Amino acid sequence: VQPWCQSPSHSHFLAGPQIVLSVYGPDFFGHDVVRGYGAVHVPFMPGRHKRTIAMFVPESSSRLQQFTSWFTGRRPEFTDPKVVAQGEGREVTRVRSQGFVTVSFNVM
């Protein structure tokens, strides 16, 4: 798991900071591939908070690309974590649900 923190931007200031998760793991051939992406806003209120993050992975747009990426071990992945954090442009990206990750925050 590789967390990446998104600081608030002017347009998303009210939403606050986010933690973006990029989860990697080995595939059938031992290649390190993306297992899922997800993002969650960091709570402001003091105390212990538990959040469940829906994870997703980008998919190839055709069967040929899917087979080629599976065979070569080069799966589609996002190069910029802002795509996951902001979601802009993601509506035109084909993604597949890939489970959930639960995180706990202790805010002081």
N, C-alpha and C. Protein backbone atom coordinates (compact mmCIF):
# COMPACT_ATOMS: atom_id res chain seq x y z
N VAL A 1 0.85 -1.16 0.00
CA VAL A 1 0.00 0.00 0.00
C VAL A 1 0.90 1.23 0.00
N GLN A 2 0.64 2.15 -0.92
CA GLN A 2 1.41 3.37 -1.01
C GLN A 2 0.49 4.56 -0.82
N PRO A 3 0.39 5.13 0.39
CA PRO A 3 -0.48 6.28 0.58
C PRO A 3 0.13 7.54 -0.02
N TRP A 4 -0.73 8.42 -0.48
CA TRP A 4 -0.33 9.71 -1.02
C TRP A 4 -1.29 10.72 -0.48
N CYS A 5 -0.81 11.79 0.11
CA CYS A 5 -1.69 12.79 0.72
C CYS A 5 -1.94 13.94 -0.23
N GLN A 6 -3.21 14.29 -0.40
CA GLN A 6 -3.64 15.42 -1.24
C GLN A 6 -3.97 16.58 -0.33
N SER A 7 -3.24 17.68 -0.45
CA SER A 7 -3.58 18.85 0.35
C SER A 7 -4.73 19.59 -0.30
N PRO A 8 -5.47 20.37 0.47
CA PRO A 8 -6.64 21.04 -0.11
C PRO A 8 -6.24 22.05 -1.18
N SER A 9 -6.98 22.03 -2.28
CA SER A 9 -6.79 23.04 -3.32
C SER A 9 -7.89 24.08 -3.15
N HIS A 10 -7.81 25.18 -3.89
CA HIS A 10 -8.81 26.23 -3.78
C HIS A 10 -10.20 25.73 -4.11
N SER A 11 -10.32 24.91 -5.16
CA SER A 11 -11.64 24.45 -5.58
C SER A 11 -12.21 23.37 -4.68
N HIS A 12 -11.35 22.68 -3.94
CA HIS A 12 -11.82 21.60 -3.08
C HIS A 12 -11.52 21.88 -1.61
N PHE A 13 -11.36 23.16 -1.25
CA PHE A 13 -10.94 23.50 0.10
C PHE A 13 -11.91 22.99 1.17
N LEU A 14 -13.20 23.07 0.93
CA LEU A 14 -14.18 22.64 1.93
C LEU A 14 -14.14 21.14 2.16
N ALA A 15 -13.67 20.39 1.17
CA ALA A 15 -13.60 18.94 1.32
C ALA A 15 -12.44 18.53 2.22
N GLY A 16 -11.38 19.32 2.26
CA GLY A 16 -10.24 19.02 3.12
C GLY A 16 -9.26 18.06 2.48
N PRO A 17 -8.23 17.69 3.25
CA PRO A 17 -7.19 16.80 2.72
C PRO A 17 -7.72 15.39 2.53
N GLN A 18 -7.05 14.68 1.64
CA GLN A 18 -7.42 13.30 1.34
C GLN A 18 -6.20 12.40 1.45
N ILE A 19 -6.46 11.14 1.68
CA ILE A 19 -5.43 10.11 1.56
C ILE A 19 -5.83 9.27 0.34
N VAL A 20 -4.89 9.12 -0.58
CA VAL A 20 -5.11 8.33 -1.78
C VAL A 20 -4.31 7.04 -1.63
N LEU A 21 -4.98 5.90 -1.83
CA LEU A 21 -4.32 4.60 -1.72
C LEU A 21 -4.07 4.02 -3.11
N SER A 22 -2.87 3.48 -3.28
CA SER A 22 -2.51 2.71 -4.47
C SER A 22 -2.00 1.38 -3.97
N VAL A 23 -2.76 0.31 -4.21
CA VAL A 23 -2.42 -1.01 -3.69
C VAL A 23 -1.86 -1.85 -4.83
N TYR A 24 -0.68 -2.44 -4.60
CA TYR A 24 -0.02 -3.27 -5.60
C TYR A 24 0.18 -4.68 -5.06
N GLY A 25 0.25 -5.65 -5.97
CA GLY A 25 0.50 -7.03 -5.59
C GLY A 25 0.89 -7.84 -6.81
N PRO A 26 1.41 -9.05 -6.58
CA PRO A 26 1.85 -9.88 -7.70
C PRO A 26 0.67 -10.49 -8.46
N ASP A 27 0.83 -10.63 -9.78
CA ASP A 27 -0.17 -11.35 -10.58
C ASP A 27 0.27 -12.80 -10.72
N PHE A 28 -0.39 -13.56 -11.59
CA PHE A 28 -0.11 -14.98 -11.79
C PHE A 28 1.34 -15.22 -12.19
N PHE A 29 1.92 -14.30 -12.96
CA PHE A 29 3.29 -14.45 -13.45
C PHE A 29 4.34 -13.83 -12.51
N GLY A 30 3.91 -13.26 -11.39
CA GLY A 30 4.83 -12.64 -10.46
C GLY A 30 5.12 -11.18 -10.75
N HIS A 31 4.42 -10.59 -11.73
CA HIS A 31 4.59 -9.16 -12.01
C HIS A 31 3.87 -8.35 -10.94
N ASP A 32 4.47 -7.23 -10.55
CA ASP A 32 3.86 -6.33 -9.58
C ASP A 32 2.85 -5.46 -10.31
N VAL A 33 1.56 -5.66 -10.03
CA VAL A 33 0.49 -4.94 -10.74
C VAL A 33 -0.43 -4.23 -9.75
N VAL A 34 -1.17 -3.25 -10.27
CA VAL A 34 -2.12 -2.51 -9.45
C VAL A 34 -3.27 -3.43 -9.04
N ARG A 35 -3.55 -3.44 -7.76
CA ARG A 35 -4.69 -4.21 -7.23
C ARG A 35 -5.87 -3.31 -6.93
N GLY A 36 -5.62 -2.00 -6.78
CA GLY A 36 -6.73 -1.09 -6.55
C GLY A 36 -6.28 0.31 -6.19
N TYR A 37 -7.17 1.26 -6.49
CA TYR A 37 -6.99 2.66 -6.11
C TYR A 37 -8.21 3.07 -5.30
N GLY A 38 -8.02 4.01 -4.40
CA GLY A 38 -9.13 4.55 -3.63
C GLY A 38 -8.70 5.83 -2.93
N ALA A 39 -9.68 6.60 -2.48
CA ALA A 39 -9.39 7.86 -1.78
C ALA A 39 -10.43 8.08 -0.69
N VAL A 40 -9.99 8.76 0.37
CA VAL A 40 -10.89 9.09 1.47
C VAL A 40 -10.46 10.44 2.04
N HIS A 41 -11.44 11.23 2.45
CA HIS A 41 -11.16 12.50 3.10
C HIS A 41 -10.77 12.25 4.55
N VAL A 42 -9.79 12.99 5.04
CA VAL A 42 -9.35 12.87 6.42
C VAL A 42 -10.35 13.62 7.30
N PRO A 43 -10.88 12.96 8.35
CA PRO A 43 -11.86 13.62 9.23
C PRO A 43 -11.25 14.81 9.98
N PHE A 44 -12.07 15.83 10.25
CA PHE A 44 -11.64 17.01 11.00
C PHE A 44 -11.88 16.86 12.50
N MET A 45 -12.94 16.18 12.86
CA MET A 45 -13.35 16.10 14.27
C MET A 45 -12.40 15.22 15.07
N PRO A 46 -12.02 15.66 16.29
CA PRO A 46 -11.16 14.82 17.13
C PRO A 46 -11.85 13.50 17.47
N GLY A 47 -11.04 12.48 17.64
CA GLY A 47 -11.56 11.17 18.01
C GLY A 47 -11.09 10.10 17.04
N ARG A 48 -11.63 8.90 17.26
CA ARG A 48 -11.29 7.75 16.42
C ARG A 48 -12.37 7.61 15.34
N HIS A 49 -11.92 7.52 14.10
CA HIS A 49 -12.83 7.40 12.96
C HIS A 49 -12.43 6.21 12.11
N LYS A 50 -13.43 5.46 11.66
CA LYS A 50 -13.20 4.30 10.80
C LYS A 50 -13.89 4.57 9.47
N ARG A 51 -13.15 4.40 8.37
CA ARG A 51 -13.69 4.64 7.03
C ARG A 51 -13.42 3.42 6.15
N THR A 52 -14.40 3.06 5.35
CA THR A 52 -14.25 1.99 4.38
C THR A 52 -14.13 2.62 3.00
N ILE A 53 -13.05 2.30 2.30
CA ILE A 53 -12.75 2.90 1.00
C ILE A 53 -13.04 1.88 -0.10
N ALA A 54 -13.90 2.26 -1.04
CA ALA A 54 -14.16 1.41 -2.21
C ALA A 54 -12.96 1.51 -3.14
N MET A 55 -12.41 0.37 -3.51
CA MET A 55 -11.23 0.34 -4.38
C MET A 55 -11.66 0.00 -5.81
N PHE A 56 -10.89 0.49 -6.78
CA PHE A 56 -11.19 0.22 -8.19
C PHE A 56 -9.88 0.15 -8.97
N VAL A 57 -9.94 -0.48 -10.13
CA VAL A 57 -8.79 -0.54 -11.04
C VAL A 57 -9.24 -0.12 -12.43
N PRO A 58 -8.36 0.57 -13.19
CA PRO A 58 -8.71 0.90 -14.57
C PRO A 58 -8.65 -0.36 -15.43
N GLU A 59 -9.49 -0.40 -16.46
CA GLU A 59 -9.51 -1.54 -17.37
C GLU A 59 -9.16 -1.12 -18.78
N SER A 60 -8.64 -2.06 -19.54
CA SER A 60 -8.39 -1.82 -20.96
C SER A 60 -9.71 -1.66 -21.68
N SER A 61 -9.69 -0.92 -22.78
CA SER A 61 -10.95 -0.63 -23.48
C SER A 61 -11.36 -1.69 -24.49
N SER A 62 -10.48 -2.63 -24.82
CA SER A 62 -10.85 -3.68 -25.78
C SER A 62 -10.36 -5.04 -25.29
N ARG A 63 -10.92 -6.10 -25.84
CA ARG A 63 -10.52 -7.47 -25.47
C ARG A 63 -9.05 -7.72 -25.85
N LEU A 64 -8.64 -7.21 -27.00
CA LEU A 64 -7.25 -7.38 -27.43
C LEU A 64 -6.30 -6.71 -26.45
N GLN A 65 -6.61 -5.49 -26.03
CA GLN A 65 -5.77 -4.79 -25.06
C GLN A 65 -5.78 -5.52 -23.71
N GLN A 66 -6.93 -6.08 -23.32
CA GLN A 66 -7.00 -6.83 -22.07
C GLN A 66 -6.09 -8.05 -22.12
N PHE A 67 -6.14 -8.81 -23.23
CA PHE A 67 -5.28 -9.99 -23.36
C PHE A 67 -3.81 -9.60 -23.40
N THR A 68 -3.48 -8.56 -24.16
CA THR A 68 -2.09 -8.11 -24.27
C THR A 68 -1.55 -7.66 -22.92
N SER A 69 -2.34 -6.90 -22.18
CA SER A 69 -1.88 -6.43 -20.87
C SER A 69 -1.74 -7.58 -19.89
N TRP A 70 -2.63 -8.57 -19.95
CA TRP A 70 -2.53 -9.74 -19.08
C TRP A 70 -1.29 -10.55 -19.43
N PHE A 71 -1.05 -10.75 -20.70
CA PHE A 71 0.06 -11.58 -21.16
C PHE A 71 1.42 -10.92 -20.86
N THR A 72 1.51 -9.62 -21.06
CA THR A 72 2.78 -8.91 -20.85
C THR A 72 2.99 -8.47 -19.41
N GLY A 73 1.93 -8.48 -18.61
CA GLY A 73 2.04 -8.03 -17.22
C GLY A 73 2.00 -6.53 -17.08
N ARG A 74 1.67 -5.83 -18.15
CA ARG A 74 1.58 -4.36 -18.13
C ARG A 74 0.11 -3.96 -18.11
N ARG A 75 -0.48 -3.90 -16.93
CA ARG A 75 -1.88 -3.54 -16.77
C ARG A 75 -2.05 -2.03 -16.80
N PRO A 76 -3.24 -1.55 -17.17
CA PRO A 76 -3.47 -0.09 -17.13
C PRO A 76 -3.35 0.42 -15.69
N GLU A 77 -2.73 1.58 -15.54
CA GLU A 77 -2.65 2.20 -14.22
C GLU A 77 -2.56 3.71 -14.37
N PHE A 78 -2.95 4.41 -13.31
CA PHE A 78 -2.89 5.87 -13.32
C PHE A 78 -1.47 6.30 -12.96
N THR A 79 -0.95 7.29 -13.68
CA THR A 79 0.38 7.80 -13.39
C THR A 79 0.34 8.99 -12.44
N ASP A 80 -0.83 9.60 -12.30
CA ASP A 80 -0.98 10.77 -11.43
C ASP A 80 -2.03 10.49 -10.37
N PRO A 81 -1.67 10.51 -9.07
CA PRO A 81 -2.65 10.23 -8.01
C PRO A 81 -3.79 11.24 -7.95
N LYS A 82 -3.62 12.41 -8.59
CA LYS A 82 -4.70 13.40 -8.59
C LYS A 82 -5.93 12.89 -9.33
N VAL A 83 -5.73 11.98 -10.27
CA VAL A 83 -6.87 11.39 -11.00
C VAL A 83 -7.79 10.68 -10.01
N VAL A 84 -7.20 9.98 -9.06
CA VAL A 84 -7.98 9.27 -8.04
C VAL A 84 -8.58 10.25 -7.05
N ALA A 85 -7.81 11.25 -6.62
CA ALA A 85 -8.26 12.20 -5.60
C ALA A 85 -9.37 13.11 -6.11
N GLN A 86 -9.23 13.63 -7.32
CA GLN A 86 -10.18 14.61 -7.82
C GLN A 86 -11.32 13.99 -8.61
N GLY A 87 -11.05 12.90 -9.27
CA GLY A 87 -12.09 12.25 -10.05
C GLY A 87 -12.38 12.91 -11.39
N GLU A 88 -11.73 14.06 -11.67
CA GLU A 88 -11.97 14.74 -12.95
C GLU A 88 -11.40 13.91 -14.09
N GLY A 89 -12.21 13.67 -15.11
CA GLY A 89 -11.79 12.87 -16.25
C GLY A 89 -11.98 11.38 -16.03
N ARG A 90 -12.29 10.99 -14.80
CA ARG A 90 -12.44 9.56 -14.52
C ARG A 90 -13.74 9.00 -15.09
N GLU A 91 -14.71 9.89 -15.36
CA GLU A 91 -15.99 9.41 -15.90
C GLU A 91 -15.84 8.81 -17.29
N VAL A 92 -14.76 9.13 -17.99
CA VAL A 92 -14.53 8.55 -19.32
C VAL A 92 -13.54 7.39 -19.27
N THR A 93 -13.09 7.03 -18.07
CA THR A 93 -12.17 5.92 -17.89
C THR A 93 -12.95 4.70 -17.43
N ARG A 94 -12.73 3.59 -18.09
CA ARG A 94 -13.39 2.33 -17.70
C ARG A 94 -12.69 1.77 -16.47
N VAL A 95 -13.44 1.56 -15.38
CA VAL A 95 -12.88 1.01 -14.15
C VAL A 95 -13.74 -0.16 -13.68
N ARG A 96 -13.13 -0.99 -12.85
CA ARG A 96 -13.82 -2.15 -12.28
C ARG A 96 -13.65 -2.10 -10.76
N SER A 97 -14.71 -2.39 -10.04
CA SER A 97 -14.66 -2.43 -8.58
C SER A 97 -13.72 -3.54 -8.14
N GLN A 98 -12.94 -3.27 -7.10
CA GLN A 98 -11.92 -4.24 -6.68
C GLN A 98 -11.89 -4.39 -5.17
N GLY A 99 -13.03 -4.38 -4.53
CA GLY A 99 -13.08 -4.62 -3.10
C GLY A 99 -13.02 -3.36 -2.26
N PHE A 100 -12.68 -3.54 -0.99
CA PHE A 100 -12.69 -2.45 -0.02
C PHE A 100 -11.47 -2.51 0.88
N VAL A 101 -11.07 -1.35 1.38
CA VAL A 101 -10.01 -1.24 2.38
C VAL A 101 -10.59 -0.41 3.52
N THR A 102 -10.38 -0.86 4.76
CA THR A 102 -10.86 -0.13 5.93
C THR A 102 -9.67 0.52 6.62
N VAL A 103 -9.79 1.82 6.89
CA VAL A 103 -8.72 2.56 7.58
C VAL A 103 -9.29 3.18 8.85
N SER A 104 -8.42 3.36 9.84
CA SER A 104 -8.81 4.00 11.09
C SER A 104 -7.97 5.26 11.27
N PHE A 105 -8.62 6.35 11.68
CA PHE A 105 -7.96 7.62 11.96
C PHE A 105 -8.09 7.92 13.44
N ASN A 106 -7.01 8.37 14.05
CA ASN A 106 -7.04 8.91 15.41
C ASN A 106 -6.70 10.39 15.28
N VAL A 107 -7.72 11.23 15.34
CA VAL A 107 -7.54 12.67 15.13
C VAL A 107 -7.48 13.34 16.49
N MET A 108 -6.49 14.21 16.65
CA MET A 108 -6.34 14.92 17.92
C MET A 108 -6.74 16.36 17.77
